[in-house]
Amino acid sequence: MRRPVLIAALLLLLAGCARDTGTGAPDAGEPRTASARAHAGDDASGAGDRWRPRPGTPWQWQLSGRLDTSVDVPVYDIDGFDHTRAAVAALFRQGRRVICYVSTGAWEEFRPDAGEFPAAVLGEGNGWQGERWLDIRRTDVLGPLMAARLDMCREKGFDAVEPDNMDGYRNRTGFPLTAADQLRYNRLVARLAHDRGLSVGLKNDLAQIPELVGEFDFAVDEQCAQYGECDALTPFVAAGKAVFHVEYEVPPSRFCAQSRRLGLSSLQKKYELGAWRRACPG
């Protein structure tokens, strides 16, 4: 998650916001109609029954505050721990695909499974209150823990997973991580997701896109326009896979033209990732 450390205090305050529990919705999803699948940019070619969103698919990304289901887009990306199976099912009934946000590269002290991570795999802080990088070389330890998180996503009925903090090797983690370590770990996460019938997105790890584009079903990127990196995401679009892109500090007037040219699904969001969004005009 590539965002400035200075806003960590703001996010800590926002963490106390009310979360949507979805208690009023039924406990199971319902099959989508063909029209709903088309609305959600579905494309299962080459991926069995697994969802693979097409380039340009509109989306909403909300990780804080009470879930606003009124945003008229076919794809929602929401926190996997914070929302129930019923909340996911409610989105399904509106014809939406739903992505499960989980951190796979960093430990979070506020998650219910935090105590299952041994101290030996916890590294330096990643700039967010209560979070520390993980030693991704320890796949013997992290593999089962991440499998359990993805089991949660599957059991709640999500279509896909957005695994975060997938570029630790380019940060100060407290461990001597290499690009090879990151490739091995990212491929493990992709395989675990696919084994559970979940699509999976590559988060931010732009330098390794050439090696990983074939193993991920879409990409999620933060701030490629701000850092002049959006062209690096074109292998996903060329492969017919969506790139879900967000800017925080750059207004749409400065990135939407490029996004349309490259085929990205672009939004402006605030750092707290609440319901507010500003999409590029269609």
Protein backbone atom coordinates (compact mmCIF):
# COMPACT_ATOMS: atom_id res chain seq x y z
CA MET A 1 0.00 0.00 0.00
CA ARG A 2 1.86 3.01 -1.29
CA ARG A 3 0.71 6.03 0.67
CA PRO A 4 2.46 8.72 2.75
CA VAL A 5 3.27 7.87 6.36
CA LEU A 6 2.07 11.31 7.46
CA ILE A 7 -1.56 10.31 7.10
CA ALA A 8 -1.32 7.22 9.30
CA ALA A 9 -2.61 9.18 12.28
CA LEU A 10 -5.66 10.27 10.29
CA LEU A 11 -6.43 6.67 9.35
CA LEU A 12 -6.11 5.56 12.96
CA LEU A 13 -8.83 8.04 13.90
CA LEU A 14 -11.01 6.88 11.04
CA ALA A 15 -10.61 3.24 12.05
CA GLY A 16 -13.24 3.81 14.70
CA CYS A 17 -15.90 4.60 12.08
CA ALA A 18 -18.94 2.36 12.00
CA ARG A 19 -18.61 -0.68 9.75
CA ASP A 20 -21.35 -2.24 7.68
CA THR A 21 -22.29 -5.60 9.11
CA GLY A 22 -24.94 -6.41 6.56
CA THR A 23 -27.15 -7.93 9.24
CA GLY A 24 -30.32 -7.19 7.32
CA ALA A 25 -29.34 -9.24 4.24
CA PRO A 26 -29.89 -12.95 3.65
CA ASP A 27 -27.07 -15.31 4.51
CA ALA A 28 -26.19 -16.54 1.03
CA GLY A 29 -25.53 -15.15 -2.43
CA GLU A 30 -27.72 -15.83 -5.43
CA PRO A 31 -26.63 -16.78 -8.96
CA ARG A 32 -26.11 -13.82 -11.23
CA THR A 33 -28.00 -13.46 -14.48
CA ALA A 34 -26.21 -13.29 -17.82
CA SER A 35 -26.98 -9.56 -18.01
CA ALA A 36 -25.47 -9.00 -14.56
CA ARG A 37 -22.34 -10.88 -15.58
CA ALA A 38 -22.01 -8.73 -18.67
CA HIS A 39 -22.54 -5.58 -16.57
CA ALA A 40 -19.69 -6.67 -14.31
CA GLY A 41 -17.24 -6.95 -17.19
CA ASP A 42 -17.02 -10.73 -16.88
CA ASP A 43 -14.58 -12.71 -18.97
CA ALA A 44 -13.75 -16.28 -18.01
CA SER A 45 -11.81 -17.16 -21.15
CA GLY A 46 -8.68 -19.09 -20.29
CA ALA A 47 -9.57 -19.14 -16.61
CA GLY A 48 -12.25 -21.83 -16.29
CA ASP A 49 -15.11 -20.44 -14.24
CA ARG A 50 -12.94 -17.86 -12.52
CA TRP A 51 -13.94 -14.22 -12.93
CA ARG A 52 -11.55 -12.04 -14.89
CA PRO A 53 -12.65 -8.41 -15.28
CA ARG A 54 -12.04 -6.76 -18.62
CA PRO A 55 -10.10 -3.51 -19.07
CA GLY A 56 -12.15 -0.40 -18.38
CA THR A 57 -14.56 -2.09 -15.94
CA PRO A 58 -15.89 0.58 -13.52
CA TRP A 59 -15.35 -0.06 -9.83
CA GLN A 60 -15.63 1.23 -6.27
CA TRP A 61 -12.98 0.80 -3.57
CA GLN A 62 -14.14 1.33 0.00
CA LEU A 63 -12.13 0.17 3.01
CA SER A 64 -13.46 2.46 5.76
CA GLY A 65 -16.78 3.77 7.01
CA ARG A 66 -20.24 2.28 6.61
CA LEU A 67 -20.46 0.54 3.26
CA ASP A 68 -22.32 2.62 0.66
CA THR A 69 -23.92 0.23 -1.82
CA SER A 70 -25.57 3.00 -3.84
CA VAL A 71 -22.55 3.62 -6.09
CA ASP A 72 -23.71 2.40 -9.50
CA VAL A 73 -20.73 0.34 -10.62
CA PRO A 74 -20.37 -3.41 -11.31
CA VAL A 75 -17.36 -4.09 -9.06
CA TYR A 76 -16.84 -3.39 -5.36
CA ASP A 77 -13.53 -3.89 -3.54
CA ILE A 78 -14.14 -4.07 0.24
CA ASP A 79 -12.37 -5.26 3.40
CA GLY A 80 -12.64 -9.02 3.80
CA PHE A 81 -12.55 -9.04 7.59
CA ASP A 82 -14.95 -6.16 8.11
CA HIS A 83 -17.86 -7.46 6.07
CA THR A 84 -20.08 -10.48 6.44
CA ARG A 85 -21.28 -13.08 3.98
CA ALA A 86 -24.66 -11.35 4.10
CA ALA A 87 -23.11 -8.03 3.04
CA VAL A 88 -21.41 -9.72 0.09
CA ALA A 89 -24.67 -11.46 -0.85
CA ALA A 90 -26.50 -8.12 -0.82
CA LEU A 91 -24.04 -6.77 -3.38
CA PHE A 92 -24.45 -9.92 -5.47
CA ARG A 93 -28.19 -9.38 -5.64
CA GLN A 94 -27.47 -6.00 -7.21
CA GLY A 95 -25.50 -7.76 -9.96
CA ARG A 96 -22.09 -6.85 -8.60
CA ARG A 97 -18.81 -8.68 -8.37
CA VAL A 98 -17.03 -8.30 -5.03
CA ILE A 99 -13.28 -8.27 -4.29
CA CYS A 100 -11.95 -9.24 -0.85
CA TYR A 101 -9.24 -6.91 0.47
CA VAL A 102 -6.70 -8.66 2.72
CA SER A 103 -3.11 -7.89 3.60
CA THR A 104 -0.78 -10.72 2.63
CA GLY A 105 2.57 -8.96 3.02
CA ALA A 106 2.11 -7.18 6.36
CA TRP A 107 0.94 -8.12 9.85
CA GLU A 108 -1.92 -6.08 11.32
CA GLU A 109 -2.31 -6.06 15.07
CA PHE A 110 -6.05 -5.30 14.83
CA ARG A 111 -7.02 -8.44 12.89
CA PRO A 112 -8.60 -11.40 14.71
CA ASP A 113 -5.80 -13.74 13.59
CA ALA A 114 -2.96 -11.43 14.65
CA GLY A 115 -1.90 -13.73 17.50
CA GLU A 116 -1.25 -16.60 15.09
CA PHE A 117 1.77 -14.86 13.52
CA PRO A 118 5.03 -15.78 15.32
CA ALA A 119 7.32 -12.91 16.30
CA ALA A 120 10.08 -14.26 14.06
CA VAL A 121 8.17 -13.29 10.90
CA LEU A 122 7.35 -9.73 12.02
CA GLY A 123 9.63 -7.03 10.68
CA GLU A 124 9.74 -3.24 10.59
CA GLY A 125 6.67 -1.05 10.54
CA ASN A 126 5.30 -0.33 7.08
CA GLY A 127 4.25 3.25 7.87
CA TRP A 128 0.77 2.35 9.16
CA GLN A 129 -0.20 2.28 12.80
CA GLY A 130 -0.17 -1.30 14.09
CA GLU A 131 1.26 -2.85 10.91
CA ARG A 132 4.62 -4.55 10.29
CA TRP A 133 6.17 -6.13 7.23
CA LEU A 134 6.25 -9.92 7.07
CA ASP A 135 9.21 -12.14 6.28
CA ILE A 136 7.82 -13.50 3.04
CA ARG A 137 10.69 -15.97 2.77
CA ARG A 138 8.95 -17.98 5.51
CA THR A 139 6.33 -19.54 3.27
CA ASP A 140 6.20 -22.52 5.62
CA VAL A 141 4.69 -20.22 8.23
CA LEU A 142 2.84 -17.69 6.09
CA GLY A 143 1.41 -20.12 3.55
CA PRO A 144 -1.11 -21.71 5.97
CA LEU A 145 -1.98 -18.34 7.50
CA MET A 146 -2.71 -16.79 4.12
CA ALA A 147 -4.62 -19.89 3.04
CA ALA A 148 -6.88 -19.40 6.07
CA ARG A 149 -7.49 -15.76 5.10
CA LEU A 150 -8.39 -16.77 1.56
CA ASP A 151 -10.66 -19.49 2.94
CA MET A 152 -12.46 -16.68 4.74
CA CYS A 153 -12.87 -14.78 1.47
CA ARG A 154 -14.25 -17.86 -0.25
CA GLU A 155 -16.59 -18.75 2.60
CA LYS A 156 -18.04 -15.23 2.59
CA GLY A 157 -18.75 -15.59 -1.12
CA PHE A 158 -16.26 -13.13 -2.61
CA ASP A 159 -15.35 -13.44 -6.29
CA ALA A 160 -11.77 -12.30 -5.97
CA VAL A 161 -9.04 -11.14 -3.63
CA GLU A 162 -6.91 -8.00 -3.51
CA PRO A 163 -3.76 -9.04 -1.63
CA ASP A 164 -2.00 -5.96 -0.27
CA ASN A 165 1.64 -5.20 0.59
CA MET A 166 2.94 -7.37 -2.23
CA ASP A 167 6.14 -5.37 -2.84
CA GLY A 168 8.00 -5.68 0.46
CA TYR A 169 11.29 -6.38 -1.30
CA ARG A 170 11.37 -2.74 -2.39
CA ASN A 171 10.90 -1.43 1.16
CA ARG A 172 12.75 -1.45 4.47
CA THR A 173 11.20 -4.54 5.99
CA GLY A 174 13.90 -5.60 8.44
CA PHE A 175 14.59 -8.66 6.26
CA PRO A 176 17.02 -9.07 3.32
CA LEU A 177 14.24 -9.71 0.82
CA THR A 178 15.08 -10.10 -2.85
CA ALA A 179 13.09 -9.81 -6.05
CA ALA A 180 13.21 -13.61 -6.30
CA ASP A 181 11.70 -13.89 -2.80
CA GLN A 182 8.87 -11.59 -3.84
CA LEU A 183 8.16 -13.49 -7.06
CA ARG A 184 8.00 -16.76 -5.16
CA TYR A 185 5.65 -15.35 -2.54
CA ASN A 186 3.37 -13.53 -4.97
CA ARG A 187 3.03 -16.69 -7.02
CA LEU A 188 2.15 -18.59 -3.86
CA VAL A 189 -0.61 -16.11 -3.05
CA ALA A 190 -1.97 -16.33 -6.61
CA ARG A 191 -1.96 -20.13 -6.47
CA LEU A 192 -3.73 -20.19 -3.11
CA ALA A 193 -6.42 -17.88 -4.47
CA HIS A 194 -6.90 -19.87 -7.66
CA ASP A 195 -7.06 -23.15 -5.76
CA ARG A 196 -10.11 -21.68 -3.99
CA GLY A 197 -11.78 -20.51 -7.18
CA LEU A 198 -10.95 -16.87 -6.46
CA SER A 199 -9.58 -14.40 -8.96
CA VAL A 200 -6.57 -12.46 -7.70
CA GLY A 201 -5.11 -9.03 -8.42
CA LEU A 202 -1.48 -7.96 -8.44
CA LYS A 203 -1.14 -4.97 -6.11
CA ASN A 204 1.38 -2.25 -7.02
CA ASP A 205 4.36 -4.53 -7.79
CA LEU A 206 4.97 -2.84 -11.14
CA ALA A 207 8.56 -3.96 -11.66
CA GLN A 208 7.52 -7.61 -11.68
CA ILE A 209 4.48 -7.30 -13.95
CA PRO A 210 6.28 -8.94 -16.92
CA GLU A 211 6.91 -12.05 -14.80
CA LEU A 212 3.52 -12.10 -13.07
CA VAL A 213 0.90 -10.87 -15.54
CA GLY A 214 0.12 -14.41 -16.64
CA GLU A 215 -0.55 -15.57 -13.08
CA PHE A 216 -2.84 -12.74 -11.94
CA ASP A 217 -6.34 -11.93 -13.21
CA PHE A 218 -6.26 -8.15 -12.82
CA ALA A 219 -4.10 -5.43 -11.26
CA VAL A 220 -4.71 -2.85 -8.54
CA ASP A 221 -2.50 0.22 -8.57
CA GLU A 222 -2.10 3.32 -6.43
CA GLN A 223 -0.64 6.56 -7.76
CA CYS A 224 0.90 5.43 -11.04
CA ALA A 225 0.03 8.82 -12.57
CA GLN A 226 1.65 10.73 -9.73
CA TYR A 227 4.84 8.71 -10.11
CA GLY A 228 4.81 8.50 -13.93
CA GLU A 229 4.47 4.71 -13.95
CA CYS A 230 1.12 3.97 -15.63
CA ASP A 231 2.68 2.68 -18.86
CA ALA A 232 4.13 -0.21 -16.82
CA LEU A 233 0.58 -1.54 -16.34
CA THR A 234 -0.16 -2.00 -20.04
CA PRO A 235 0.74 -5.73 -20.10
CA PHE A 236 -2.44 -6.39 -18.09
CA VAL A 237 -4.60 -4.42 -20.50
CA ALA A 238 -2.92 -6.12 -23.48
CA ALA A 239 -3.83 -9.46 -21.89
CA GLY A 240 -7.49 -8.39 -21.60
CA LYS A 241 -7.30 -7.91 -17.82
CA ALA A 242 -8.57 -4.89 -15.88
CA VAL A 243 -6.29 -2.43 -14.12
CA PHE A 244 -8.11 -0.86 -11.15
CA HIS A 245 -6.26 2.40 -10.53
CA VAL A 246 -6.52 5.11 -7.86
CA GLU A 247 -4.94 8.52 -7.40
CA TYR A 248 -5.08 10.50 -4.16
CA GLU A 249 -3.21 13.75 -4.80
CA VAL A 250 -3.57 14.12 -8.57
CA PRO A 251 -6.97 15.40 -9.82
CA PRO A 252 -8.82 13.61 -12.64
CA SER A 253 -8.06 16.46 -15.04
CA ARG A 254 -4.42 15.37 -14.89
CA PHE A 255 -4.80 11.60 -15.31
CA CYS A 256 -8.11 10.74 -16.98
CA ALA A 257 -6.94 11.33 -20.56
CA GLN A 258 -4.01 9.00 -20.04
CA SER A 259 -6.21 6.47 -18.26
CA ARG A 260 -8.62 6.35 -21.20
CA ARG A 261 -5.72 5.96 -23.63
CA LEU A 262 -4.22 3.09 -21.63
CA GLY A 263 -7.54 1.40 -20.79
CA LEU A 264 -7.31 1.80 -17.00
CA SER A 265 -10.26 1.84 -14.60
CA SER A 266 -9.33 5.01 -12.75
CA LEU A 267 -10.65 6.84 -9.69
CA GLN A 268 -9.64 9.66 -7.44
CA LYS A 269 -10.09 8.69 -3.78
CA LYS A 270 -9.26 10.20 -0.41
CA TYR A 271 -6.60 8.48 1.63
CA GLU A 272 -9.05 7.05 4.13
CA LEU A 273 -10.72 5.09 1.30
CA GLY A 274 -14.23 5.82 2.42
CA ALA A 275 -17.22 5.96 0.06
CA TRP A 276 -16.20 9.22 -1.64
CA ARG A 277 -14.95 8.78 -5.19
CA ARG A 278 -14.45 10.76 -8.36
CA ALA A 279 -14.35 8.66 -11.51
CA CYS A 280 -13.03 9.56 -14.91
CA PRO A 281 -15.93 10.49 -17.22
CA GLY A 282 -16.96 7.72 -19.57
